[in-house]
Amino acid sequence: MLRGISYALQMVSGTFDRIAYFYRIYDGNLVRLLSSSRSDFFQGGLEYFLNSPHPAFTLLFGQGFEYRLEHFGRLGLIEMDLFDAFFALGFLGVLFLLILLGYYAAMALKKK
């Protein structure tokens, strides 16, 4: 049991050093640290989403993945799955996705 402790401590120490390094680079901004600076892309993506020419349609049905990539460049894909799904699919699309995933989860857990 004691054999791997030095190796585990090296791994934890390396992880801590990496987190401390990025904490200093981000000037102590915990949101940027925890989101790996994807929160910067989120702000830009949210601005494009909210300023769409058809806001009611966009909130319900989203903008689609390809539309966002073509028109917004890097801000078209935030790499935060929940927000990417919402911006691309809208409220109804995310609701349908959650219902579908819930159905499959219930089927997987259902006893035969």
Protein backbone atom coordinates (compact mmCIF):
# COMPACT_ATOMS: atom_id res chain seq x y z
CA MET A 1 0.00 0.00 0.00
CA LEU A 2 2.83 2.41 0.75
CA ARG A 3 4.63 1.72 -2.53
CA GLY A 4 2.47 3.99 -4.66
CA ILE A 5 2.24 6.90 -2.23
CA SER A 6 5.27 8.75 -3.66
CA TYR A 7 3.91 8.34 -7.19
CA ALA A 8 0.46 9.56 -6.09
CA LEU A 9 2.03 12.56 -4.33
CA GLN A 10 3.95 13.44 -7.50
CA MET A 11 0.73 13.33 -9.51
CA VAL A 12 -1.15 15.50 -6.99
CA SER A 13 1.77 17.92 -6.78
CA GLY A 14 1.92 18.23 -10.57
CA THR A 15 -1.82 18.85 -10.74
CA PHE A 16 -1.61 21.47 -8.02
CA ASP A 17 1.30 23.21 -9.78
CA ARG A 18 -0.66 23.29 -13.03
CA ILE A 19 -3.77 24.72 -11.35
CA ALA A 20 -1.68 27.33 -9.51
CA TYR A 21 0.04 28.29 -12.78
CA PHE A 22 -3.26 28.92 -14.58
CA TYR A 23 -4.69 30.66 -11.51
CA ARG A 24 -1.85 33.19 -11.75
CA ILE A 25 -2.26 33.56 -15.54
CA TYR A 26 -6.00 34.23 -15.12
CA ASP A 27 -5.29 36.82 -12.37
CA GLY A 28 -7.22 34.84 -9.77
CA ASN A 29 -10.41 34.57 -11.84
CA LEU A 30 -11.93 31.30 -10.57
CA VAL A 31 -14.64 31.17 -13.25
CA ARG A 32 -12.04 31.25 -16.03
CA LEU A 33 -9.94 28.69 -14.16
CA LEU A 34 -12.80 26.25 -13.57
CA SER A 35 -14.13 26.60 -17.12
CA SER A 36 -10.65 26.45 -18.72
CA SER A 37 -11.33 29.97 -20.05
CA ARG A 38 -14.35 28.74 -22.02
CA SER A 39 -16.39 31.32 -20.11
CA ASP A 40 -14.83 33.93 -22.42
CA PHE A 41 -16.33 32.16 -25.44
CA PHE A 42 -19.62 31.77 -23.57
CA GLN A 43 -19.98 35.54 -23.18
CA GLY A 44 -19.50 36.14 -26.91
CA GLY A 45 -21.76 33.24 -27.89
CA LEU A 46 -24.49 34.44 -25.54
CA GLU A 47 -24.30 37.92 -27.02
CA TYR A 48 -24.77 36.56 -30.56
CA PHE A 49 -27.59 34.31 -29.35
CA LEU A 50 -29.51 37.08 -27.59
CA ASN A 51 -29.03 39.59 -30.42
CA SER A 52 -30.38 37.31 -33.13
CA PRO A 53 -32.78 38.82 -35.68
CA HIS A 54 -35.62 36.51 -34.55
CA PRO A 55 -35.29 36.25 -30.74
CA ALA A 56 -38.51 34.31 -30.02
CA PHE A 57 -37.75 31.72 -32.70
CA THR A 58 -34.13 31.47 -31.53
CA LEU A 59 -35.13 30.87 -27.90
CA LEU A 60 -37.56 28.11 -28.87
CA PHE A 61 -35.67 26.38 -31.69
CA GLY A 62 -32.06 27.59 -31.41
CA GLN A 63 -29.75 28.56 -34.23
CA GLY A 64 -28.37 25.19 -35.27
CA PHE A 65 -24.76 24.02 -35.00
CA GLU A 66 -23.67 24.78 -38.57
CA TYR A 67 -25.23 28.25 -38.66
CA ARG A 68 -23.33 29.25 -35.53
CA LEU A 69 -20.03 27.86 -36.81
CA GLU A 70 -20.40 29.62 -40.18
CA HIS A 71 -21.52 33.01 -38.84
CA PHE A 72 -19.81 33.31 -35.46
CA GLY A 73 -16.49 31.54 -36.04
CA ARG A 74 -14.85 30.41 -32.81
CA LEU A 75 -17.82 31.63 -30.76
CA GLY A 76 -20.04 29.18 -32.63
CA LEU A 77 -18.67 26.31 -30.57
CA ILE A 78 -18.12 27.13 -26.93
CA GLU A 79 -17.19 23.56 -25.94
CA MET A 80 -19.52 23.65 -22.96
CA ASP A 81 -21.99 20.95 -23.94
CA LEU A 82 -25.07 22.22 -22.12
CA PHE A 83 -24.73 25.74 -23.54
CA ASP A 84 -23.77 24.51 -27.00
CA ALA A 85 -26.88 22.32 -27.03
CA PHE A 86 -29.09 25.19 -25.84
CA PHE A 87 -27.72 27.72 -28.33
CA ALA A 88 -28.03 25.23 -31.19
CA LEU A 89 -31.33 23.53 -30.27
CA GLY A 90 -33.23 26.10 -28.16
CA PHE A 91 -35.62 25.33 -25.30
CA LEU A 92 -37.74 22.84 -27.23
CA GLY A 93 -34.74 20.98 -28.65
CA VAL A 94 -33.07 20.63 -25.25
CA LEU A 95 -36.38 19.56 -23.71
CA PHE A 96 -36.84 16.91 -26.40
CA LEU A 97 -33.22 15.77 -25.93
CA LEU A 98 -33.69 15.43 -22.15
CA ILE A 99 -36.94 13.51 -22.60
CA LEU A 100 -35.24 11.16 -25.06
CA LEU A 101 -32.24 10.63 -22.77
CA GLY A 102 -34.56 10.09 -19.80
CA TYR A 103 -36.51 7.51 -21.78
CA TYR A 104 -33.34 5.62 -22.71
CA ALA A 105 -32.09 5.80 -19.11
CA ALA A 106 -35.41 4.44 -17.84
CA MET A 107 -35.29 1.62 -20.40
CA ALA A 108 -31.70 0.77 -19.43
CA LEU A 109 -32.57 0.64 -15.72
CA LYS A 110 -35.87 -1.18 -16.19
CA LYS A 111 -35.84 -4.69 -14.80
CA LYS A 112 -36.65 -7.46 -17.21
